[in-house]
Amino acid sequence: MLMTNFHLPRSTLFMLVSAFSGLETMRSAYAHAIDNRYRFYSYGDAS
């Protein structure tokens, strides 16, 4: 398992989490986070 914050688009870190849990899974997770007002990046929420 991996606990991590929400990362920038087109970043190496979003690529890493997409490798870990699957690209479509992470695209859906980020869409959910955006729609549900999660806070992003270094001072933001976690997954």
ModelCIF file with pLDDT and N, C-alpha, C, O atoms, coordinates in Angstrom:
data_MODEL
#
_entry.id   MODEL 
#
_entity.id                         1 
_entity.type                       polymer 
_entity.pdbx_number_of_molecules   1 
#
_entity_poly.entity_id                      1 
_entity_poly.type                           'polypeptide(L)' 
_entity_poly.nstd_linkage                   no 
_entity_poly.nstd_monomer                   no 
_entity_poly.pdbx_seq_one_letter_code       MLMTNFHLPRSTLFMLVSAFSGLETMRSAYAHAIDNRYRFYSYGDAS 
_entity_poly.pdbx_seq_one_letter_code_can   MLMTNFHLPRSTLFMLVSAFSGLETMRSAYAHAIDNRYRFYSYGDAS 
_entity_poly.pdbx_strand_id                 A 
#
loop_
_entity_poly_seq.entity_id 
_entity_poly_seq.num 
_entity_poly_seq.mon_id 
_entity_poly_seq.hetero 
1 1  MET n 
1 2  LEU n 
1 3  MET n 
1 4  THR n 
1 5  ASN n 
1 6  PHE n 
1 7  HIS n 
1 8  LEU n 
1 9  PRO n 
1 10 ARG n 
1 11 SER n 
1 12 THR n 
1 13 LEU n 
1 14 PHE n 
1 15 MET n 
1 16 LEU n 
1 17 VAL n 
1 18 SER n 
1 19 ALA n 
1 20 PHE n 
1 21 SER n 
1 22 GLY n 
1 23 LEU n 
1 24 GLU n 
1 25 THR n 
1 26 MET n 
1 27 ARG n 
1 28 SER n 
1 29 ALA n 
1 30 TYR n 
1 31 ALA n 
1 32 HIS n 
1 33 ALA n 
1 34 ILE n 
1 35 ASP n 
1 36 ASN n 
1 37 ARG n 
1 38 TYR n 
1 39 ARG n 
1 40 PHE n 
1 41 TYR n 
1 42 SER n 
1 43 TYR n 
1 44 GLY n 
1 45 ASP n 
1 46 ALA n 
1 47 SER n 
#
_struct_asym.id          A 
_struct_asym.entity_id   1 
#
loop_
_ma_qa_metric.id 
_ma_qa_metric.mode 
_ma_qa_metric.name 
_ma_qa_metric.software_group_id 
_ma_qa_metric.type 
1 global pLDDT . pLDDT 
2 local  pLDDT . pLDDT 
#
_ma_qa_metric_global.metric_id      1 
_ma_qa_metric_global.metric_value   96.87 
_ma_qa_metric_global.model_id       1 
_ma_qa_metric_global.ordinal_id     1 
#
loop_
_ma_qa_metric_local.label_asym_id 
_ma_qa_metric_local.label_comp_id 
_ma_qa_metric_local.label_seq_id 
_ma_qa_metric_local.metric_id 
_ma_qa_metric_local.metric_value 
_ma_qa_metric_local.model_id 
_ma_qa_metric_local.ordinal_id 
A MET 1  2 98.00 1 1  
A LEU 2  2 98.00 1 2  
A MET 3  2 98.00 1 3  
A THR 4  2 98.00 1 4  
A ASN 5  2 98.00 1 5  
A PHE 6  2 97.00 1 6  
A HIS 7  2 95.00 1 7  
A LEU 8  2 93.00 1 8  
A PRO 9  2 94.00 1 9  
A ARG 10 2 93.00 1 10 
A SER 11 2 93.00 1 11 
A THR 12 2 94.00 1 12 
A LEU 13 2 95.00 1 13 
A PHE 14 2 96.00 1 14 
A MET 15 2 96.00 1 15 
A LEU 16 2 97.00 1 16 
A VAL 17 2 97.00 1 17 
A SER 18 2 97.00 1 18 
A ALA 19 2 97.00 1 19 
A PHE 20 2 98.00 1 20 
A SER 21 2 98.00 1 21 
A GLY 22 2 97.00 1 22 
A LEU 23 2 97.00 1 23 
A GLU 24 2 97.00 1 24 
A THR 25 2 98.00 1 25 
A MET 26 2 98.00 1 26 
A ARG 27 2 97.00 1 27 
A SER 28 2 98.00 1 28 
A ALA 29 2 98.00 1 29 
A TYR 30 2 98.00 1 30 
A ALA 31 2 98.00 1 31 
A HIS 32 2 98.00 1 32 
A ALA 33 2 98.00 1 33 
A ILE 34 2 98.00 1 34 
A ASP 35 2 97.00 1 35 
A ASN 36 2 98.00 1 36 
A ARG 37 2 97.00 1 37 
A TYR 38 2 98.00 1 38 
A ARG 39 2 98.00 1 39 
A PHE 40 2 97.00 1 40 
A TYR 41 2 95.00 1 41 
A SER 42 2 95.00 1 42 
A TYR 43 2 97.00 1 43 
A GLY 44 2 97.00 1 44 
A ASP 45 2 98.00 1 45 
A ALA 46 2 98.00 1 46 
A SER 47 2 98.00 1 47 
#
loop_
_atom_site.group_PDB 
_atom_site.id 
_atom_site.type_symbol 
_atom_site.label_atom_id 
_atom_site.label_alt_id 
_atom_site.label_comp_id 
_atom_site.label_asym_id 
_atom_site.label_entity_id 
_atom_site.label_seq_id 
_atom_site.pdbx_PDB_ins_code 
_atom_site.Cartn_x 
_atom_site.Cartn_y 
_atom_site.Cartn_z 
_atom_site.occupancy 
_atom_site.B_iso_or_equiv 
_atom_site.pdbx_formal_charge 
_atom_site.auth_seq_id 
_atom_site.auth_comp_id 
_atom_site.auth_asym_id 
_atom_site.auth_atom_id 
_atom_site.pdbx_PDB_model_num 
ATOM 1   N N  . MET A 1 1  ? 0.850   -1.180 0.000   1.00 98.00 ? 1  MET A N  1 
ATOM 2   C CA . MET A 1 1  ? 0.000   0.000  0.000   1.00 98.00 ? 1  MET A CA 1 
ATOM 3   C C  . MET A 1 1  ? 0.891   1.237  0.000   1.00 98.00 ? 1  MET A C  1 
ATOM 4   O O  . MET A 1 1  ? 2.067   1.186  0.362   1.00 98.00 ? 1  MET A O  1 
ATOM 5   N N  . LEU A 1 2  ? 0.290   2.348  -0.418  1.00 98.00 ? 2  LEU A N  1 
ATOM 6   C CA . LEU A 1 2  ? 1.011   3.618  -0.497  1.00 98.00 ? 2  LEU A CA 1 
ATOM 7   C C  . LEU A 1 2  ? 0.098   4.735  -0.003  1.00 98.00 ? 2  LEU A C  1 
ATOM 8   O O  . LEU A 1 2  ? -1.006  4.924  -0.513  1.00 98.00 ? 2  LEU A O  1 
ATOM 9   N N  . MET A 1 3  ? 0.573   5.468  0.993   1.00 98.00 ? 3  MET A N  1 
ATOM 10  C CA . MET A 1 3  ? -0.125  6.664  1.441   1.00 98.00 ? 3  MET A CA 1 
ATOM 11  C C  . MET A 1 3  ? 0.574   7.859  0.816   1.00 98.00 ? 3  MET A C  1 
ATOM 12  O O  . MET A 1 3  ? 1.784   8.023  0.972   1.00 98.00 ? 3  MET A O  1 
ATOM 13  N N  . THR A 1 4  ? -0.172  8.687  0.116   1.00 98.00 ? 4  THR A N  1 
ATOM 14  C CA . THR A 1 4  ? 0.452   9.792  -0.608  1.00 98.00 ? 4  THR A CA 1 
ATOM 15  C C  . THR A 1 4  ? -0.547  10.915 -0.813  1.00 98.00 ? 4  THR A C  1 
ATOM 16  O O  . THR A 1 4  ? -1.757  10.690 -0.824  1.00 98.00 ? 4  THR A O  1 
ATOM 17  N N  . ASN A 1 5  ? -0.035  12.118 -0.975  1.00 98.00 ? 5  ASN A N  1 
ATOM 18  C CA . ASN A 1 5  ? -0.893  13.264 -1.270  1.00 98.00 ? 5  ASN A CA 1 
ATOM 19  C C  . ASN A 1 5  ? -1.319  13.238 -2.732  1.00 98.00 ? 5  ASN A C  1 
ATOM 20  O O  . ASN A 1 5  ? -0.947  12.327 -3.472  1.00 98.00 ? 5  ASN A O  1 
ATOM 21  N N  . PHE A 1 6  ? -2.094  14.228 -3.148  1.00 97.00 ? 6  PHE A N  1 
ATOM 22  C CA . PHE A 1 6  ? -2.548  14.327 -4.536  1.00 97.00 ? 6  PHE A CA 1 
ATOM 23  C C  . PHE A 1 6  ? -1.544  15.157 -5.327  1.00 97.00 ? 6  PHE A C  1 
ATOM 24  O O  . PHE A 1 6  ? -1.111  16.221 -4.885  1.00 97.00 ? 6  PHE A O  1 
ATOM 25  N N  . HIS A 1 7  ? -1.184  14.652 -6.497  1.00 95.00 ? 7  HIS A N  1 
ATOM 26  C CA . HIS A 1 7  ? -0.048  15.187 -7.243  1.00 95.00 ? 7  HIS A CA 1 
ATOM 27  C C  . HIS A 1 7  ? -0.454  16.004 -8.465  1.00 95.00 ? 7  HIS A C  1 
ATOM 28  O O  . HIS A 1 7  ? -1.612  16.003 -8.884  1.00 95.00 ? 7  HIS A O  1 
ATOM 29  N N  . LEU A 1 8  ? 0.537   16.700 -9.024  1.00 93.00 ? 8  LEU A N  1 
ATOM 30  C CA . LEU A 1 8  ? 0.306   17.568 -10.182 1.00 93.00 ? 8  LEU A CA 1 
ATOM 31  C C  . LEU A 1 8  ? 0.002   16.755 -11.436 1.00 93.00 ? 8  LEU A C  1 
ATOM 32  O O  . LEU A 1 8  ? 0.488   15.635 -11.591 1.00 93.00 ? 8  LEU A O  1 
ATOM 33  N N  . PRO A 1 9  ? -0.811  17.330 -12.336 1.00 94.00 ? 9  PRO A N  1 
ATOM 34  C CA . PRO A 1 9  ? -0.994  16.682 -13.635 1.00 94.00 ? 9  PRO A CA 1 
ATOM 35  C C  . PRO A 1 9  ? 0.321   16.619 -14.399 1.00 94.00 ? 9  PRO A C  1 
ATOM 36  O O  . PRO A 1 9  ? 1.170   17.500 -14.267 1.00 94.00 ? 9  PRO A O  1 
ATOM 37  N N  . ARG A 1 10 ? 0.479   15.576 -15.193 1.00 93.00 ? 10 ARG A N  1 
ATOM 38  C CA . ARG A 1 10 ? 1.657   15.369 -16.046 1.00 93.00 ? 10 ARG A CA 1 
ATOM 39  C C  . ARG A 1 10 ? 2.949   15.249 -15.244 1.00 93.00 ? 10 ARG A C  1 
ATOM 40  O O  . ARG A 1 10 ? 4.033   15.443 -15.794 1.00 93.00 ? 10 ARG A O  1 
ATOM 41  N N  . SER A 1 11 ? 2.851   14.934 -13.961 1.00 93.00 ? 11 SER A N  1 
ATOM 42  C CA . SER A 1 11 ? 4.038   14.849 -13.108 1.00 93.00 ? 11 SER A CA 1 
ATOM 43  C C  . SER A 1 11 ? 4.515   13.407 -12.995 1.00 93.00 ? 11 SER A C  1 
ATOM 44  O O  . SER A 1 11 ? 3.750   12.467 -13.214 1.00 93.00 ? 11 SER A O  1 
ATOM 45  N N  . THR A 1 12 ? 5.796   13.245 -12.647 1.00 94.00 ? 12 THR A N  1 
ATOM 46  C CA . THR A 1 12 ? 6.339   11.902 -12.446 1.00 94.00 ? 12 THR A CA 1 
ATOM 47  C C  . THR A 1 12 ? 5.654   11.201 -11.282 1.00 94.00 ? 12 THR A C  1 
ATOM 48  O O  . THR A 1 12 ? 5.589   9.972  -11.255 1.00 94.00 ? 12 THR A O  1 
ATOM 49  N N  . LEU A 1 13 ? 5.141   11.968 -10.317 1.00 95.00 ? 13 LEU A N  1 
ATOM 50  C CA . LEU A 1 13 ? 4.488   11.360 -9.158  1.00 95.00 ? 13 LEU A CA 1 
ATOM 51  C C  . LEU A 1 13 ? 3.099   10.849 -9.499  1.00 95.00 ? 13 LEU A C  1 
ATOM 52  O O  . LEU A 1 13 ? 2.682   9.814  -8.977  1.00 95.00 ? 13 LEU A O  1 
ATOM 53  N N  . PHE A 1 14 ? 2.370   11.552 -10.365 1.00 96.00 ? 14 PHE A N  1 
ATOM 54  C CA . PHE A 1 14 ? 1.086   11.015 -10.814 1.00 96.00 ? 14 PHE A CA 1 
ATOM 55  C C  . PHE A 1 14 ? 1.315   9.778  -11.678 1.00 96.00 ? 14 PHE A C  1 
ATOM 56  O O  . PHE A 1 14 ? 0.498   8.856  -11.670 1.00 96.00 ? 14 PHE A O  1 
ATOM 57  N N  . MET A 1 15 ? 2.414   9.752  -12.419 1.00 96.00 ? 15 MET A N  1 
ATOM 58  C CA . MET A 1 15 ? 2.763   8.551  -13.182 1.00 96.00 ? 15 MET A CA 1 
ATOM 59  C C  . MET A 1 15 ? 3.037   7.386  -12.244 1.00 96.00 ? 15 MET A C  1 
ATOM 60  O O  . MET A 1 15 ? 2.632   6.256  -12.515 1.00 96.00 ? 15 MET A O  1 
ATOM 61  N N  . LEU A 1 16 ? 3.732   7.665  -11.125 1.00 97.00 ? 16 LEU A N  1 
ATOM 62  C CA . LEU A 1 16 ? 4.046   6.603  -10.167 1.00 97.00 ? 16 LEU A CA 1 
ATOM 63  C C  . LEU A 1 16 ? 2.776   6.016  -9.552  1.00 97.00 ? 16 LEU A C  1 
ATOM 64  O O  . LEU A 1 16 ? 2.622   4.795  -9.504  1.00 97.00 ? 16 LEU A O  1 
ATOM 65  N N  . VAL A 1 17 ? 1.868   6.870  -9.081  1.00 97.00 ? 17 VAL A N  1 
ATOM 66  C CA . VAL A 1 17 ? 0.646   6.331  -8.457  1.00 97.00 ? 17 VAL A CA 1 
ATOM 67  C C  . VAL A 1 17 ? -0.212  5.607  -9.486  1.00 97.00 ? 17 VAL A C  1 
ATOM 68  O O  . VAL A 1 17 ? -0.928  4.666  -9.145  1.00 97.00 ? 17 VAL A O  1 
ATOM 69  N N  . SER A 1 18 ? -0.145  6.039  -10.739 1.00 97.00 ? 18 SER A N  1 
ATOM 70  C CA . SER A 1 18 ? -0.870  5.349  -11.801 1.00 97.00 ? 18 SER A CA 1 
ATOM 71  C C  . SER A 1 18 ? -0.269  3.975  -12.059 1.00 97.00 ? 18 SER A C  1 
ATOM 72  O O  . SER A 1 18 ? -0.992  3.035  -12.387 1.00 97.00 ? 18 SER A O  1 
ATOM 73  N N  . ALA A 1 19 ? 1.042   3.849  -11.915 1.00 97.00 ? 19 ALA A N  1 
ATOM 74  C CA . ALA A 1 19 ? 1.691   2.547  -12.024 1.00 97.00 ? 19 ALA A CA 1 
ATOM 75  C C  . ALA A 1 19 ? 1.290   1.655  -10.859 1.00 97.00 ? 19 ALA A C  1 
ATOM 76  O O  . ALA A 1 19 ? 1.148   0.442  -11.017 1.00 97.00 ? 19 ALA A O  1 
ATOM 77  N N  . PHE A 1 20 ? 1.107   2.259  -9.685  1.00 98.00 ? 20 PHE A N  1 
ATOM 78  C CA . PHE A 1 20 ? 0.837   1.482  -8.474  1.00 98.00 ? 20 PHE A CA 1 
ATOM 79  C C  . PHE A 1 20 ? -0.595  0.930  -8.450  1.00 98.00 ? 20 PHE A C  1 
ATOM 80  O O  . PHE A 1 20 ? -0.805  -0.241 -8.133  1.00 98.00 ? 20 PHE A O  1 
ATOM 81  N N  . SER A 1 21 ? -1.556  1.758  -8.779  1.00 98.00 ? 21 SER A N  1 
ATOM 82  C CA . SER A 1 21 ? -2.967  1.348  -8.671  1.00 98.00 ? 21 SER A CA 1 
ATOM 83  C C  . SER A 1 21 ? -3.700  1.281  -9.994  1.00 98.00 ? 21 SER A C  1 
ATOM 84  O O  . SER A 1 21 ? -4.863  0.881  -10.035 1.00 98.00 ? 21 SER A O  1 
ATOM 85  N N  . GLY A 1 22 ? -3.035  1.671  -11.092 1.00 97.00 ? 22 GLY A N  1 
ATOM 86  C CA . GLY A 1 22 ? -3.677  1.641  -12.403 1.00 97.00 ? 22 GLY A CA 1 
ATOM 87  C C  . GLY A 1 22 ? -4.064  3.034  -12.858 1.00 97.00 ? 22 GLY A C  1 
ATOM 88  O O  . GLY A 1 22 ? -4.604  3.821  -12.081 1.00 97.00 ? 22 GLY A O  1 
ATOM 89  N N  . LEU A 1 23 ? -3.787  3.338  -14.123 1.00 97.00 ? 23 LEU A N  1 
ATOM 90  C CA . LEU A 1 23 ? -4.038  4.679  -14.636 1.00 97.00 ? 23 LEU A CA 1 
ATOM 91  C C  . LEU A 1 23 ? -5.515  5.044  -14.571 1.00 97.00 ? 23 LEU A C  1 
ATOM 92  O O  . LEU A 1 23 ? -5.856  6.126  -14.094 1.00 97.00 ? 23 LEU A O  1 
ATOM 93  N N  . GLU A 1 24 ? -6.396  4.172  -15.038 1.00 97.00 ? 24 GLU A N  1 
ATOM 94  C CA . GLU A 1 24 ? -7.823  4.507  -15.026 1.00 97.00 ? 24 GLU A CA 1 
ATOM 95  C C  . GLU A 1 24 ? -8.354  4.613  -13.601 1.00 97.00 ? 24 GLU A C  1 
ATOM 96  O O  . GLU A 1 24 ? -9.201  5.458  -13.309 1.00 97.00 ? 24 GLU A O  1 
ATOM 97  N N  . THR A 1 25 ? -7.857  3.760  -12.725 1.00 98.00 ? 25 THR A N  1 
ATOM 98  C CA . THR A 1 25 ? -8.247  3.847  -11.316 1.00 98.00 ? 25 THR A CA 1 
ATOM 99  C C  . THR A 1 25 ? -7.882  5.207  -10.744 1.00 98.00 ? 25 THR A C  1 
ATOM 100 O O  . THR A 1 25 ? -8.688  5.824  -10.047 1.00 98.00 ? 25 THR A O  1 
ATOM 101 N N  . MET A 1 26 ? -6.666  5.681  -11.035 1.00 98.00 ? 26 MET A N  1 
ATOM 102 C CA . MET A 1 26 ? -6.225  6.946  -10.471 1.00 98.00 ? 26 MET A CA 1 
ATOM 103 C C  . MET A 1 26 ? -6.902  8.134  -11.146 1.00 98.00 ? 26 MET A C  1 
ATOM 104 O O  . MET A 1 26 ? -7.158  9.146  -10.492 1.00 98.00 ? 26 MET A O  1 
ATOM 105 N N  . ARG A 1 27 ? -7.191  8.033  -12.423 1.00 97.00 ? 27 ARG A N  1 
ATOM 106 C CA . ARG A 1 27 ? -7.937  9.116  -13.069 1.00 97.00 ? 27 ARG A CA 1 
ATOM 107 C C  . ARG A 1 27 ? -9.316  9.254  -12.434 1.00 97.00 ? 27 ARG A C  1 
ATOM 108 O O  . ARG A 1 27 ? -9.795  10.368 -12.220 1.00 97.00 ? 27 ARG A O  1 
ATOM 109 N N  . SER A 1 28 ? -9.950  8.132  -12.134 1.00 98.00 ? 28 SER A N  1 
ATOM 110 C CA . SER A 1 28 ? -11.264 8.164  -11.483 1.00 98.00 ? 28 SER A CA 1 
ATOM 111 C C  . SER A 1 28 ? -11.156 8.694  -10.056 1.00 98.00 ? 28 SER A C  1 
ATOM 112 O O  . SER A 1 28 ? -12.005 9.463  -9.605  1.00 98.00 ? 28 SER A O  1 
ATOM 113 N N  . ALA A 1 29 ? -10.107 8.277  -9.351  1.00 98.00 ? 29 ALA A N  1 
ATOM 114 C CA . ALA A 1 29 ? -9.914  8.736  -7.976  1.00 98.00 ? 29 ALA A CA 1 
ATOM 115 C C  . ALA A 1 29 ? -9.682  10.242 -7.923  1.00 98.00 ? 29 ALA A C  1 
ATOM 116 O O  . ALA A 1 29 ? -10.217 10.920 -7.046  1.00 98.00 ? 29 ALA A O  1 
ATOM 117 N N  . TYR A 1 30 ? -8.884  10.773 -8.860  1.00 98.00 ? 30 TYR A N  1 
ATOM 118 C CA . TYR A 1 30 ? -8.619  12.204 -8.872  1.00 98.00 ? 30 TYR A CA 1 
ATOM 119 C C  . TYR A 1 30 ? -9.873  12.988 -9.281  1.00 98.00 ? 30 TYR A C  1 
ATOM 120 O O  . TYR A 1 30 ? -10.119 14.074 -8.758  1.00 98.00 ? 30 TYR A O  1 
ATOM 121 N N  . ALA A 1 31 ? -10.647 12.455 -10.194 1.00 98.00 ? 31 ALA A N  1 
ATOM 122 C CA . ALA A 1 31 ? -11.904 13.120 -10.562 1.00 98.00 ? 31 ALA A CA 1 
ATOM 123 C C  . ALA A 1 31 ? -12.829 13.189 -9.354  1.00 98.00 ? 31 ALA A C  1 
ATOM 124 O O  . ALA A 1 31 ? -13.469 14.214 -9.118  1.00 98.00 ? 31 ALA A O  1 
ATOM 125 N N  . HIS A 1 32 ? -12.903 12.102 -8.586  1.00 98.00 ? 32 HIS A N  1 
ATOM 126 C CA . HIS A 1 32 ? -13.712 12.083 -7.362  1.00 98.00 ? 32 HIS A CA 1 
ATOM 127 C C  . HIS A 1 32 ? -13.179 13.112 -6.357  1.00 98.00 ? 32 HIS A C  1 
ATOM 128 O O  . HIS A 1 32 ? -13.953 13.846 -5.742  1.00 98.00 ? 32 HIS A O  1 
ATOM 129 N N  . ALA A 1 33 ? -11.873 13.157 -6.200  1.00 98.00 ? 33 ALA A N  1 
ATOM 130 C CA . ALA A 1 33 ? -11.278 14.099 -5.246  1.00 98.00 ? 33 ALA A CA 1 
ATOM 131 C C  . ALA A 1 33 ? -11.573 15.547 -5.636  1.00 98.00 ? 33 ALA A C  1 
ATOM 132 O O  . ALA A 1 33 ? -11.877 16.376 -4.778  1.00 98.00 ? 33 ALA A O  1 
ATOM 133 N N  . ILE A 1 34 ? -11.484 15.841 -6.909  1.00 98.00 ? 34 ILE A N  1 
ATOM 134 C CA . ILE A 1 34 ? -11.757 17.209 -7.368  1.00 98.00 ? 34 ILE A CA 1 
ATOM 135 C C  . ILE A 1 34 ? -13.223 17.547 -7.159  1.00 98.00 ? 34 ILE A C  1 
ATOM 136 O O  . ILE A 1 34 ? -13.545 18.629 -6.670  1.00 98.00 ? 34 ILE A O  1 
ATOM 137 N N  . ASP A 1 35 ? -14.117 16.631 -7.526  1.00 97.00 ? 35 ASP A N  1 
ATOM 138 C CA . ASP A 1 35 ? -15.561 16.879 -7.389  1.00 97.00 ? 35 ASP A CA 1 
ATOM 139 C C  . ASP A 1 35 ? -15.971 17.015 -5.928  1.00 97.00 ? 35 ASP A C  1 
ATOM 140 O O  . ASP A 1 35 ? -16.927 17.723 -5.610  1.00 97.00 ? 35 ASP A O  1 
ATOM 141 N N  . ASN A 1 36 ? -15.250 16.338 -5.042  1.00 98.00 ? 36 ASN A N  1 
ATOM 142 C CA . ASN A 1 36 ? -15.615 16.350 -3.622  1.00 98.00 ? 36 ASN A CA 1 
ATOM 143 C C  . ASN A 1 36 ? -14.727 17.286 -2.795  1.00 98.00 ? 36 ASN A C  1 
ATOM 144 O O  . ASN A 1 36 ? -14.652 17.174 -1.571  1.00 98.00 ? 36 ASN A O  1 
ATOM 145 N N  . ARG A 1 37 ? -14.068 18.197 -3.481  1.00 97.00 ? 37 ARG A N  1 
ATOM 146 C CA . ARG A 1 37 ? -13.347 19.300 -2.859  1.00 97.00 ? 37 ARG A CA 1 
ATOM 147 C C  . ARG A 1 37 ? -12.217 18.850 -1.928  1.00 97.00 ? 37 ARG A C  1 
ATOM 148 O O  . ARG A 1 37 ? -11.984 19.455 -0.882  1.00 97.00 ? 37 ARG A O  1 
ATOM 149 N N  . TYR A 1 38 ? -11.528 17.790 -2.319  1.00 98.00 ? 38 TYR A N  1 
ATOM 150 C CA . TYR A 1 38 ? -10.295 17.461 -1.616  1.00 98.00 ? 38 TYR A CA 1 
ATOM 151 C C  . TYR A 1 38 ? -9.274  18.559 -1.881  1.00 98.00 ? 38 TYR A C  1 
ATOM 152 O O  . TYR A 1 38 ? -9.322  19.236 -2.908  1.00 98.00 ? 38 TYR A O  1 
ATOM 153 N N  . ARG A 1 39 ? -8.346  18.725 -0.933  1.00 98.00 ? 39 ARG A N  1 
ATOM 154 C CA . ARG A 1 39 ? -7.288  19.731 -1.049  1.00 98.00 ? 39 ARG A CA 1 
ATOM 155 C C  . ARG A 1 39 ? -6.051  19.065 -1.634  1.00 98.00 ? 39 ARG A C  1 
ATOM 156 O O  . ARG A 1 39 ? -5.662  17.983 -1.193  1.00 98.00 ? 39 ARG A O  1 
ATOM 157 N N  . PHE A 1 40 ? -5.430  19.702 -2.622  1.00 97.00 ? 40 PHE A N  1 
ATOM 158 C CA . PHE A 1 40 ? -4.356  19.077 -3.396  1.00 97.00 ? 40 PHE A CA 1 
ATOM 159 C C  . PHE A 1 40 ? -2.966  19.586 -3.003  1.00 97.00 ? 40 PHE A C  1 
ATOM 160 O O  . PHE A 1 40 ? -2.791  20.664 -2.436  1.00 97.00 ? 40 PHE A O  1 
ATOM 161 N N  . TYR A 1 41 ? -1.994  18.742 -3.340  1.00 95.00 ? 41 TYR A N  1 
ATOM 162 C CA . TYR A 1 41 ? -0.563  19.029 -3.311  1.00 95.00 ? 41 TYR A CA 1 
ATOM 163 C C  . TYR A 1 41 ? 0.024   18.998 -1.894  1.00 95.00 ? 41 TYR A C  1 
ATOM 164 O O  . TYR A 1 41 ? -0.550  18.372 -1.003  1.00 95.00 ? 41 TYR A O  1 
ATOM 165 N N  . SER A 1 42 ? 1.149   19.660 -1.682  1.00 95.00 ? 42 SER A N  1 
ATOM 166 C CA . SER A 1 42 ? 1.983   19.433 -0.500  1.00 95.00 ? 42 SER A CA 1 
ATOM 167 C C  . SER A 1 42 ? 1.259   19.635 0.829   1.00 95.00 ? 42 SER A C  1 
ATOM 168 O O  . SER A 1 42 ? 1.443   18.845 1.756   1.00 95.00 ? 42 SER A O  1 
ATOM 169 N N  . TYR A 1 43 ? 0.449   20.667 0.934   1.00 97.00 ? 43 TYR A N  1 
ATOM 170 C CA . TYR A 1 43 ? -0.286  20.937 2.165   1.00 97.00 ? 43 TYR A CA 1 
ATOM 171 C C  . TYR A 1 43 ? -1.707  20.383 2.116   1.00 97.00 ? 43 TYR A C  1 
ATOM 172 O O  . TYR A 1 43 ? -2.533  20.724 2.963   1.00 97.00 ? 43 TYR A O  1 
ATOM 173 N N  . GLY A 1 44 ? -1.995  19.547 1.148   1.00 97.00 ? 44 GLY A N  1 
ATOM 174 C CA . GLY A 1 44 ? -3.356  19.080 0.943   1.00 97.00 ? 44 GLY A CA 1 
ATOM 175 C C  . GLY A 1 44 ? -3.670  17.774 1.645   1.00 97.00 ? 44 GLY A C  1 
ATOM 176 O O  . GLY A 1 44 ? -2.962  17.347 2.558   1.00 97.00 ? 44 GLY A O  1 
ATOM 177 N N  . ASP A 1 45 ? -4.756  17.145 1.196   1.00 98.00 ? 45 ASP A N  1 
ATOM 178 C CA . ASP A 1 45 ? -5.234  15.894 1.769   1.00 98.00 ? 45 ASP A CA 1 
ATOM 179 C C  . ASP A 1 45 ? -4.435  14.715 1.229   1.00 98.00 ? 45 ASP A C  1 
ATOM 180 O O  . ASP A 1 45 ? -3.506  14.893 0.440   1.00 98.00 ? 45 ASP A O  1 
ATOM 181 N N  . ALA A 1 46 ? -4.804  13.509 1.659   1.00 98.00 ? 46 ALA A N  1 
ATOM 182 C CA . ALA A 1 46 ? -4.030  12.323 1.320   1.00 98.00 ? 46 ALA A CA 1 
ATOM 183 C C  . ALA A 1 46 ? -4.913  11.240 0.713   1.00 98.00 ? 46 ALA A C  1 
ATOM 184 O O  . ALA A 1 46 ? -6.142  11.299 0.757   1.00 98.00 ? 46 ALA A O  1 
ATOM 185 N N  . SER A 1 47 ? -4.236  10.257 0.150   1.00 98.00 ? 47 SER A N  1 
ATOM 186 C CA . SER A 1 47 ? -4.918  9.057  -0.351  1.00 98.00 ? 47 SER A CA 1 
ATOM 187 C C  . SER A 1 47 ? -4.176  7.842  0.189   1.00 98.00 ? 47 SER A C  1 
ATOM 188 O O  . SER A 1 47 ? -4.561  6.707  -0.095  1.00 98.00 ? 47 SER A O  1 
#
